[in-house]
PDB file of all heavy atoms in Angstrom:
ATOM      1  N   PRO A   1     -16.886 -72.496 -92.220  1.00  0.00           N
ATOM      2  CA  PRO A   1     -18.068 -72.070 -91.479  1.00  0.00           C
ATOM      3  C   PRO A   1     -19.329 -72.832 -91.878  1.00  0.00           C
ATOM      4  O   PRO A   1     -20.276 -72.920 -91.094  1.00  0.00           O
ATOM      5  CB  PRO A   1     -18.195 -70.584 -91.817  1.00  0.00           C
ATOM      6  CG  PRO A   1     -16.823 -70.165 -92.204  1.00  0.00           C
ATOM      7  CD  PRO A   1     -16.225 -71.361 -92.878  1.00  0.00           C
ATOM      8  N   ILE A   2     -19.350 -73.386 -93.086  1.00  0.00           N
ATOM      9  CA  ILE A   2     -20.521 -74.144 -93.530  1.00  0.00           C
ATOM     10  C   ILE A   2     -20.756 -75.367 -92.642  1.00  0.00           C
ATOM     11  O   ILE A   2     -21.875 -75.828 -92.481  1.00  0.00           O
ATOM     12  CB  ILE A   2     -20.349 -74.579 -95.009  1.00  0.00           C
ATOM     13  CG1 ILE A   2     -20.330 -73.354 -95.914  1.00  0.00           C
ATOM     14  CG2 ILE A   2     -21.446 -75.530 -95.448  1.00  0.00           C
ATOM     15  CD1 ILE A   2     -19.957 -73.641 -97.348  1.00  0.00           C
ATOM     16  N   MET A   3     -19.696 -75.879 -92.037  1.00  0.00           N
ATOM     17  CA  MET A   3     -19.785 -77.076 -91.198  1.00  0.00           C
ATOM     18  C   MET A   3     -20.531 -76.808 -89.887  1.00  0.00           C
ATOM     19  O   MET A   3     -20.952 -77.740 -89.222  1.00  0.00           O
ATOM     20  CB  MET A   3     -18.385 -77.604 -90.891  1.00  0.00           C
ATOM     21  CG  MET A   3     -17.626 -78.001 -92.142  1.00  0.00           C
ATOM     22  SD  MET A   3     -15.866 -78.258 -91.847  1.00  0.00           S
ATOM     23  CE  MET A   3     -15.914 -79.894 -91.142  1.00  0.00           C
ATOM     24  N   GLY A   4     -20.667 -75.543 -89.513  1.00  0.00           N
ATOM     25  CA  GLY A   4     -21.376 -75.177 -88.297  1.00  0.00           C
ATOM     26  C   GLY A   4     -20.446 -75.020 -87.116  1.00  0.00           C
ATOM     27  O   GLY A   4     -19.337 -75.544 -87.070  1.00  0.00           O
ATOM     28  N   LYS A   5     -20.934 -74.289 -86.147  1.00  0.00           N
ATOM     29  CA  LYS A   5     -20.138 -73.933 -84.971  1.00  0.00           C
ATOM     30  C   LYS A   5     -19.694 -75.150 -84.165  1.00  0.00           C
ATOM     31  O   LYS A   5     -18.577 -75.179 -83.653  1.00  0.00           O
ATOM     32  CB  LYS A   5     -20.929 -72.972 -84.092  1.00  0.00           C
ATOM     33  CG  LYS A   5     -20.080 -72.270 -83.086  1.00  0.00           C
ATOM     34  CD  LYS A   5     -20.812 -71.079 -82.494  1.00  0.00           C
ATOM     35  CE  LYS A   5     -19.794 -70.215 -81.816  1.00  0.00           C
ATOM     36  NZ  LYS A   5     -19.902 -68.836 -82.140  1.00  0.00           N
ATOM     37  N   ALA A   6     -20.544 -76.158 -84.058  1.00  0.00           N
ATOM     38  CA  ALA A   6     -20.187 -77.342 -83.262  1.00  0.00           C
ATOM     39  C   ALA A   6     -18.987 -78.072 -83.838  1.00  0.00           C
ATOM     40  O   ALA A   6     -18.205 -78.667 -83.103  1.00  0.00           O
ATOM     41  CB  ALA A   6     -21.382 -78.283 -83.163  1.00  0.00           C
ATOM     42  N   VAL A   7     -18.818 -78.018 -85.152  1.00  0.00           N
ATOM     43  CA  VAL A   7     -17.713 -78.731 -85.806  1.00  0.00           C
ATOM     44  C   VAL A   7     -16.510 -77.819 -86.009  1.00  0.00           C
ATOM     45  O   VAL A   7     -15.384 -78.172 -85.670  1.00  0.00           O
ATOM     46  CB  VAL A   7     -18.163 -79.325 -87.163  1.00  0.00           C
ATOM     47  CG1 VAL A   7     -16.997 -79.961 -87.895  1.00  0.00           C
ATOM     48  CG2 VAL A   7     -19.287 -80.325 -86.951  1.00  0.00           C
ATOM     49  N   SER A   8     -16.733 -76.634 -86.578  1.00  0.00           N
ATOM     50  CA  SER A   8     -15.612 -75.780 -86.984  1.00  0.00           C
ATOM     51  C   SER A   8     -15.339 -74.608 -86.046  1.00  0.00           C
ATOM     52  O   SER A   8     -14.328 -73.935 -86.186  1.00  0.00           O
ATOM     53  CB  SER A   8     -15.862 -75.230 -88.387  1.00  0.00           C
ATOM     54  OG  SER A   8     -16.904 -74.275 -88.365  1.00  0.00           O
ATOM     55  N   GLY A   9     -16.239 -74.348 -85.135  1.00  0.00           N
ATOM     56  CA  GLY A   9     -16.078 -73.195 -84.259  1.00  0.00           C
ATOM     57  C   GLY A   9     -16.592 -71.901 -84.861  1.00  0.00           C
ATOM     58  O   GLY A   9     -16.498 -70.847 -84.255  1.00  0.00           O
ATOM     59  N   ALA A  10     -17.124 -71.990 -86.071  1.00  0.00           N
ATOM     60  CA  ALA A  10     -17.654 -70.811 -86.755  1.00  0.00           C
ATOM     61  C   ALA A  10     -18.862 -71.239 -87.567  1.00  0.00           C
ATOM     62  O   ALA A  10     -19.020 -72.418 -87.882  1.00  0.00           O
ATOM     63  CB  ALA A  10     -16.595 -70.213 -87.673  1.00  0.00           C
ATOM     64  N   GLU A  11     -19.714 -70.281 -87.892  1.00  0.00           N
ATOM     65  CA  GLU A  11     -20.818 -70.601 -88.788  1.00  0.00           C
ATOM     66  C   GLU A  11     -21.216 -69.381 -89.594  1.00  0.00           C
ATOM     67  O   GLU A  11     -20.915 -68.259 -89.228  1.00  0.00           O
ATOM     68  CB  GLU A  11     -22.007 -71.176 -88.028  1.00  0.00           C
ATOM     69  CG  GLU A  11     -22.661 -70.266 -87.033  1.00  0.00           C
ATOM     70  CD  GLU A  11     -23.739 -70.979 -86.236  1.00  0.00           C
ATOM     71  OE1 GLU A  11     -24.509 -71.751 -86.824  1.00  0.00           O
ATOM     72  OE2 GLU A  11     -23.800 -70.768 -85.029  1.00  0.00           O
ATOM     73  N   GLY A  12     -21.844 -69.655 -90.713  1.00  0.00           N
ATOM     74  CA  GLY A  12     -22.286 -68.603 -91.600  1.00  0.00           C
ATOM     75  C   GLY A  12     -21.958 -68.961 -93.029  1.00  0.00           C
ATOM     76  O   GLY A  12     -21.329 -69.984 -93.312  1.00  0.00           O
ATOM     77  N   LYS A  13     -22.399 -68.113 -93.932  1.00  0.00           N
ATOM     78  CA  LYS A  13     -22.130 -68.294 -95.362  1.00  0.00           C
ATOM     79  C   LYS A  13     -20.816 -67.600 -95.691  1.00  0.00           C
ATOM     80  O   LYS A  13     -20.684 -66.388 -95.517  1.00  0.00           O
ATOM     81  CB  LYS A  13     -23.255 -67.685 -96.184  1.00  0.00           C
ATOM     82  CG  LYS A  13     -23.006 -67.781 -97.679  1.00  0.00           C
ATOM     83  CD  LYS A  13     -24.070 -67.057 -98.462  1.00  0.00           C
ATOM     84  CE  LYS A  13     -23.701 -67.100 -99.945  1.00  0.00           C
ATOM     85  NZ  LYS A  13     -24.459 -66.127-100.695  1.00  0.00           N
ATOM     86  N   PRO A  14     -19.816 -68.338 -96.171  1.00  0.00           N
ATOM     87  CA  PRO A  14     -18.544 -67.704 -96.526  1.00  0.00           C
ATOM     88  C   PRO A  14     -18.712 -66.728 -97.698  1.00  0.00           C
ATOM     89  O   PRO A  14     -19.298 -67.064 -98.716  1.00  0.00           O
ATOM     90  CB  PRO A  14     -17.657 -68.880 -96.945  1.00  0.00           C
ATOM     91  CG  PRO A  14     -18.295 -70.086 -96.346  1.00  0.00           C
ATOM     92  CD  PRO A  14     -19.761 -69.792 -96.312  1.00  0.00           C
ATOM     93  N   ILE A  15     -18.201 -65.534 -97.509  1.00  0.00           N
ATOM     94  CA  ILE A  15     -18.229 -64.493 -98.532  1.00  0.00           C
ATOM     95  C   ILE A  15     -16.827 -64.348 -99.136  1.00  0.00           C
ATOM     96  O   ILE A  15     -16.670 -64.182-100.329  1.00  0.00           O
ATOM     97  CB  ILE A  15     -18.669 -63.139 -97.922  1.00  0.00           C
ATOM     98  CG1 ILE A  15     -19.995 -63.264 -97.190  1.00  0.00           C
ATOM     99  CG2 ILE A  15     -18.729 -62.054 -98.977  1.00  0.00           C
ATOM    100  CD1 ILE A  15     -21.147 -63.716 -98.032  1.00  0.00           C
ATOM    101  N   LEU A  16     -15.816 -64.412 -98.272  1.00  0.00           N
ATOM    102  CA  LEU A  16     -14.417 -64.263 -98.665  1.00  0.00           C
ATOM    103  C   LEU A  16     -13.585 -65.126 -97.730  1.00  0.00           C
ATOM    104  O   LEU A  16     -13.811 -65.118 -96.522  1.00  0.00           O
ATOM    105  CB  LEU A  16     -13.995 -62.795 -98.522  1.00  0.00           C
ATOM    106  CG  LEU A  16     -12.521 -62.457 -98.714  1.00  0.00           C
ATOM    107  CD1 LEU A  16     -12.099 -62.687-100.166  1.00  0.00           C
ATOM    108  CD2 LEU A  16     -12.254 -61.006 -98.309  1.00  0.00           C
ATOM    109  N   GLY A  17     -12.644 -65.872 -98.271  1.00  0.00           N
ATOM    110  CA  GLY A  17     -11.764 -66.699 -97.457  1.00  0.00           C
ATOM    111  C   GLY A  17     -10.316 -66.509 -97.842  1.00  0.00           C
ATOM    112  O   GLY A  17      -9.999 -66.266 -99.007  1.00  0.00           O
ATOM    113  N   CYS A  18      -9.446 -66.611 -96.860  1.00  0.00           N
ATOM    114  CA  CYS A  18      -8.009 -66.538 -97.099  1.00  0.00           C
ATOM    115  C   CYS A  18      -7.352 -67.730 -96.421  1.00  0.00           C
ATOM    116  O   CYS A  18      -7.500 -67.937 -95.213  1.00  0.00           O
ATOM    117  CB  CYS A  18      -7.438 -65.232 -96.555  1.00  0.00           C
ATOM    118  SG  CYS A  18      -5.655 -65.066 -96.834  1.00  0.00           S
ATOM    119  N   ASP A  19      -6.636 -68.495 -97.201  1.00  0.00           N
ATOM    120  CA  ASP A  19      -5.917 -69.675 -96.736  1.00  0.00           C
ATOM    121  C   ASP A  19      -4.690 -69.227 -95.951  1.00  0.00           C
ATOM    122  O   ASP A  19      -3.816 -68.553 -96.486  1.00  0.00           O
ATOM    123  CB  ASP A  19      -5.505 -70.484 -97.974  1.00  0.00           C
ATOM    124  CG  ASP A  19      -4.813 -71.784 -97.678  1.00  0.00           C
ATOM    125  OD1 ASP A  19      -4.476 -72.053 -96.506  1.00  0.00           O
ATOM    126  OD2 ASP A  19      -4.596 -72.547 -98.644  1.00  0.00           O
ATOM    127  N   VAL A  20      -4.611 -69.573 -94.673  1.00  0.00           N
ATOM    128  CA  VAL A  20      -3.432 -69.228 -93.877  1.00  0.00           C
ATOM    129  C   VAL A  20      -2.600 -70.464 -93.534  1.00  0.00           C
ATOM    130  O   VAL A  20      -1.797 -70.435 -92.608  1.00  0.00           O
ATOM    131  CB  VAL A  20      -3.788 -68.399 -92.609  1.00  0.00           C
ATOM    132  CG1 VAL A  20      -4.328 -67.035 -93.003  1.00  0.00           C
ATOM    133  CG2 VAL A  20      -4.727 -69.119 -91.693  1.00  0.00           C
ATOM    134  N   TRP A  21      -2.797 -71.526 -94.291  1.00  0.00           N
ATOM    135  CA  TRP A  21      -1.896 -72.670 -94.183  1.00  0.00           C
ATOM    136  C   TRP A  21      -0.538 -72.202 -94.689  1.00  0.00           C
ATOM    137  O   TRP A  21      -0.449 -71.481 -95.680  1.00  0.00           O
ATOM    138  CB  TRP A  21      -2.371 -73.826 -95.053  1.00  0.00           C
ATOM    139  CG  TRP A  21      -3.579 -74.554 -94.583  1.00  0.00           C
ATOM    140  CD1 TRP A  21      -4.796 -74.033 -94.280  1.00  0.00           C
ATOM    141  CD2 TRP A  21      -3.691 -75.964 -94.403  1.00  0.00           C
ATOM    142  NE1 TRP A  21      -5.658 -75.028 -93.923  1.00  0.00           N
ATOM    143  CE2 TRP A  21      -4.993 -76.232 -93.996  1.00  0.00           C
ATOM    144  CE3 TRP A  21      -2.804 -77.030 -94.562  1.00  0.00           C
ATOM    145  CZ2 TRP A  21      -5.449 -77.514 -93.725  1.00  0.00           C
ATOM    146  CZ3 TRP A  21      -3.262 -78.307 -94.287  1.00  0.00           C
ATOM    147  CH2 TRP A  21      -4.574 -78.533 -93.876  1.00  0.00           C
ATOM    148  N   GLU A  22       0.508 -72.623 -94.067  1.00  0.00           N
ATOM    149  CA  GLU A  22       1.846 -72.192 -94.460  1.00  0.00           C
ATOM    150  C   GLU A  22       2.147 -72.469 -95.939  1.00  0.00           C
ATOM    151  O   GLU A  22       2.824 -71.697 -96.596  1.00  0.00           O
ATOM    152  CB  GLU A  22       2.880 -72.879 -93.581  1.00  0.00           C
ATOM    153  CG  GLU A  22       4.247 -72.267 -93.677  1.00  0.00           C
ATOM    154  CD  GLU A  22       5.200 -72.870 -92.683  1.00  0.00           C
ATOM    155  OE1 GLU A  22       5.592 -74.040 -92.869  1.00  0.00           O
ATOM    156  OE2 GLU A  22       5.549 -72.172 -91.724  1.00  0.00           O
ATOM    157  N   HIS A  23       1.592 -73.557 -96.470  1.00  0.00           N
ATOM    158  CA  HIS A  23       1.873 -73.873 -97.881  1.00  0.00           C
ATOM    159  C   HIS A  23       1.347 -72.793 -98.830  1.00  0.00           C
ATOM    160  O   HIS A  23       1.785 -72.701 -99.966  1.00  0.00           O
ATOM    161  CB  HIS A  23       1.292 -75.241 -98.274  1.00  0.00           C
ATOM    162  CG  HIS A  23      -0.206 -75.290 -98.288  1.00  0.00           C
ATOM    163  ND1 HIS A  23      -0.916 -76.131 -97.477  1.00  0.00           N
ATOM    164  CD2 HIS A  23      -1.131 -74.608 -98.998  1.00  0.00           C
ATOM    165  CE1 HIS A  23      -2.209 -75.967 -97.705  1.00  0.00           C
ATOM    166  NE2 HIS A  23      -2.351 -75.039 -98.612  1.00  0.00           N
ATOM    167  N   ALA A  24       0.396 -71.989 -98.388  1.00  0.00           N
ATOM    168  CA  ALA A  24      -0.184 -70.956 -99.243  1.00  0.00           C
ATOM    169  C   ALA A  24       0.778 -69.791 -99.464  1.00  0.00           C
ATOM    170  O   ALA A  24       0.662 -69.082-100.452  1.00  0.00           O
ATOM    171  CB  ALA A  24      -1.486 -70.434 -98.627  1.00  0.00           C
ATOM    172  N   TYR A  25       1.712 -69.601 -98.559  1.00  0.00           N
ATOM    173  CA  TYR A  25       2.555 -68.403 -98.655  1.00  0.00           C
ATOM    174  C   TYR A  25       4.045 -68.639 -98.449  1.00  0.00           C
ATOM    175  O   TYR A  25       4.845 -67.739 -98.662  1.00  0.00           O
ATOM    176  CB  TYR A  25       2.071 -67.342 -97.659  1.00  0.00           C
ATOM    177  CG  TYR A  25       2.075 -67.765 -96.210  1.00  0.00           C
ATOM    178  CD1 TYR A  25       3.213 -67.623 -95.423  1.00  0.00           C
ATOM    179  CD2 TYR A  25       0.933 -68.291 -95.623  1.00  0.00           C
ATOM    180  CE1 TYR A  25       3.213 -68.005 -94.093  1.00  0.00           C
ATOM    181  CE2 TYR A  25       0.927 -68.667 -94.295  1.00  0.00           C
ATOM    182  CZ  TYR A  25       2.061 -68.522 -93.527  1.00  0.00           C
ATOM    183  OH  TYR A  25       2.067 -68.903 -92.221  1.00  0.00           O
ATOM    184  N   TYR A  26       4.462 -69.829 -98.075  1.00  0.00           N
ATOM    185  CA  TYR A  26       5.847 -70.025 -97.652  1.00  0.00           C
ATOM    186  C   TYR A  26       6.880 -69.712 -98.735  1.00  0.00           C
ATOM    187  O   TYR A  26       7.902 -69.101 -98.460  1.00  0.00           O
ATOM    188  CB  TYR A  26       6.087 -71.440 -97.108  1.00  0.00           C
ATOM    189  CG  TYR A  26       7.428 -71.544 -96.448  1.00  0.00           C
ATOM    190  CD1 TYR A  26       7.603 -71.088 -95.145  1.00  0.00           C
ATOM    191  CD2 TYR A  26       8.531 -72.023 -97.140  1.00  0.00           C
ATOM    192  CE1 TYR A  26       8.838 -71.124 -94.541  1.00  0.00           C
ATOM    193  CE2 TYR A  26       9.781 -72.056 -96.541  1.00  0.00           C
ATOM    194  CZ  TYR A  26       9.926 -71.617 -95.236  1.00  0.00           C
ATOM    195  OH  TYR A  26      11.150 -71.641 -94.647  1.00  0.00           O
ATOM    196  N   LEU A  27       6.643 -70.115 -99.972  1.00  0.00           N
ATOM    197  CA  LEU A  27       7.648 -69.900-101.016  1.00  0.00           C
ATOM    198  C   LEU A  27       7.960 -68.418-101.221  1.00  0.00           C
ATOM    199  O   LEU A  27       9.102 -68.047-101.477  1.00  0.00           O
ATOM    200  CB  LEU A  27       7.211 -70.529-102.337  1.00  0.00           C
ATOM    201  CG  LEU A  27       7.251 -72.044-102.364  1.00  0.00           C
ATOM    202  CD1 LEU A  27       6.744 -72.561-103.710  1.00  0.00           C
ATOM    203  CD2 LEU A  27       8.649 -72.572-102.089  1.00  0.00           C
ATOM    204  N   LYS A  28       6.965 -67.570-101.088  1.00  0.00           N
ATOM    205  CA  LYS A  28       7.179 -66.138-101.307  1.00  0.00           C
ATOM    206  C   LYS A  28       7.439 -65.382-100.005  1.00  0.00           C
ATOM    207  O   LYS A  28       8.224 -64.438 -99.984  1.00  0.00           O
ATOM    208  CB  LYS A  28       5.974 -65.527-102.023  1.00  0.00           C
ATOM    209  CG  LYS A  28       6.199 -64.096-102.437  1.00  0.00           C
ATOM    210  CD  LYS A  28       5.156 -63.614-103.402  1.00  0.00           C
ATOM    211  CE  LYS A  28       5.484 -62.219-103.874  1.00  0.00           C
ATOM    212  NZ  LYS A  28       4.526 -61.741-104.839  1.00  0.00           N
ATOM    213  N   TYR A  29       6.779 -65.789 -98.913  1.00  0.00           N
ATOM    214  CA  TYR A  29       6.825 -65.017 -97.675  1.00  0.00           C
ATOM    215  C   TYR A  29       7.512 -65.730 -96.512  1.00  0.00           C
ATOM    216  O   TYR A  29       7.616 -65.153 -95.436  1.00  0.00           O
ATOM    217  CB  TYR A  29       5.398 -64.608 -97.255  1.00  0.00           C
ATOM    218  CG  TYR A  29       4.763 -63.690 -98.250  1.00  0.00           C
ATOM    219  CD1 TYR A  29       3.918 -64.180 -99.245  1.00  0.00           C
ATOM    220  CD2 TYR A  29       5.021 -62.325 -98.227  1.00  0.00           C
ATOM    221  CE1 TYR A  29       3.344 -63.335-100.179  1.00  0.00           C
ATOM    222  CE2 TYR A  29       4.450 -61.470 -99.160  1.00  0.00           C
ATOM    223  CZ  TYR A  29       3.617 -61.980-100.122  1.00  0.00           C
ATOM    224  OH  TYR A  29       3.058 -61.135-101.048  1.00  0.00           O
ATOM    225  N   GLN A  30       7.982 -66.955 -96.707  1.00  0.00           N
ATOM    226  CA  GLN A  30       8.573 -67.772 -95.647  1.00  0.00           C
ATOM    227  C   GLN A  30       7.633 -67.772 -94.427  1.00  0.00           C
ATOM    228  O   GLN A  30       6.493 -68.139 -94.574  1.00  0.00           O
ATOM    229  CB  GLN A  30       9.996 -67.325 -95.296  1.00  0.00           C
ATOM    230  CG  GLN A  30      11.004 -67.640 -96.381  1.00  0.00           C
ATOM    231  CD  GLN A  30      10.952 -66.684 -97.547  1.00  0.00           C
ATOM    232  OE1 GLN A  30      10.838 -65.474 -97.368  1.00  0.00           O
ATOM    233  NE2 GLN A  30      11.006 -67.215 -98.757  1.00  0.00           N
ATOM    234  N   ASN A  31       8.092 -67.345 -93.284  1.00  0.00           N
ATOM    235  CA  ASN A  31       7.242 -67.376 -92.094  1.00  0.00           C
ATOM    236  C   ASN A  31       6.570 -66.027 -91.814  1.00  0.00           C
ATOM    237  O   ASN A  31       6.082 -65.803 -90.715  1.00  0.00           O
ATOM    238  CB  ASN A  31       8.069 -67.806 -90.875  1.00  0.00           C
ATOM    239  CG  ASN A  31       9.184 -66.832 -90.563  1.00  0.00           C
ATOM    240  OD1 ASN A  31       9.499 -65.961 -91.357  1.00  0.00           O
ATOM    241  ND2 ASN A  31       9.789 -66.976 -89.401  1.00  0.00           N
ATOM    242  N   ARG A  32       6.496 -65.160 -92.811  1.00  0.00           N
ATOM    243  CA  ARG A  32       5.939 -63.820 -92.626  1.00  0.00           C
ATOM    244  C   ARG A  32       4.449 -63.784 -93.011  1.00  0.00           C
ATOM    245  O   ARG A  32       4.057 -63.180 -94.003  1.00  0.00           O
ATOM    246  CB  ARG A  32       6.745 -62.801 -93.427  1.00  0.00           C
ATOM    247  CG  ARG A  32       8.205 -62.713 -92.977  1.00  0.00           C
ATOM    248  CD  ARG A  32       8.994 -61.630 -93.700  1.00  0.00           C
ATOM    249  NE  ARG A  32       8.748 -61.559 -95.132  1.00  0.00           N
ATOM    250  CZ  ARG A  32       9.398 -62.263 -96.061  1.00  0.00           C
ATOM    251  NH1 ARG A  32      10.336 -63.119 -95.724  1.00  0.00           N
ATOM    252  NH2 ARG A  32       9.111 -62.105 -97.339  1.00  0.00           N
ATOM    253  N   ARG A  33       3.635 -64.429 -92.206  1.00  0.00           N
ATOM    254  CA  ARG A  33       2.192 -64.492 -92.480  1.00  0.00           C
ATOM    255  C   ARG A  33       1.580 -63.097 -92.550  1.00  0.00           C
ATOM    256  O   ARG A  33       0.686 -62.847 -93.357  1.00  0.00           O
ATOM    257  CB  ARG A  33       1.480 -65.338 -91.427  1.00  0.00           C
ATOM    258  CG  ARG A  33       0.020 -65.575 -91.742  1.00  0.00           C
ATOM    259  CD  ARG A  33      -0.718 -66.328 -90.671  1.00  0.00           C
ATOM    260  NE  ARG A  33      -0.402 -67.738 -90.702  1.00  0.00           N
ATOM    261  CZ  ARG A  33      -0.988 -68.638 -89.919  1.00  0.00           C
ATOM    262  NH1 ARG A  33      -1.915 -68.265 -89.049  1.00  0.00           N
ATOM    263  NH2 ARG A  33      -0.650 -69.904 -89.988  1.00  0.00           N
ATOM    264  N   ALA A  34       2.036 -62.189 -91.710  1.00  0.00           N
ATOM    265  CA  ALA A  34       1.479 -60.827 -91.709  1.00  0.00           C
ATOM    266  C   ALA A  34       1.686 -60.149 -93.065  1.00  0.00           C
ATOM    267  O   ALA A  34       0.779 -59.484 -93.583  1.00  0.00           O
ATOM    268  CB  ALA A  34       2.107 -59.999 -90.594  1.00  0.00           C
ATOM    269  N   ASP A  35       2.860 -60.318 -93.653  1.00  0.00           N
ATOM    270  CA  ASP A  35       3.128 -59.731 -94.974  1.00  0.00           C
ATOM    271  C   ASP A  35       2.223 -60.352 -96.032  1.00  0.00           C
ATOM    272  O   ASP A  35       1.719 -59.664 -96.918  1.00  0.00           O
ATOM    273  CB  ASP A  35       4.595 -59.919 -95.370  1.00  0.00           C
ATOM    274  CG  ASP A  35       5.550 -59.118 -94.509  1.00  0.00           C
ATOM    275  OD1 ASP A  35       5.093 -58.211 -93.769  1.00  0.00           O
ATOM    276  OD2 ASP A  35       6.755 -59.402 -94.565  1.00  0.00           O
TER     277      ASP A  35
END
């Protein structure tokens, strides 16, 4: 979001972020992003 809406589609000061790239969860959750 720091990049601004024109670049990232979002803007604002990040308070909390969660990585939803598959590499962040695949070993433990496989394709179960919701879990």
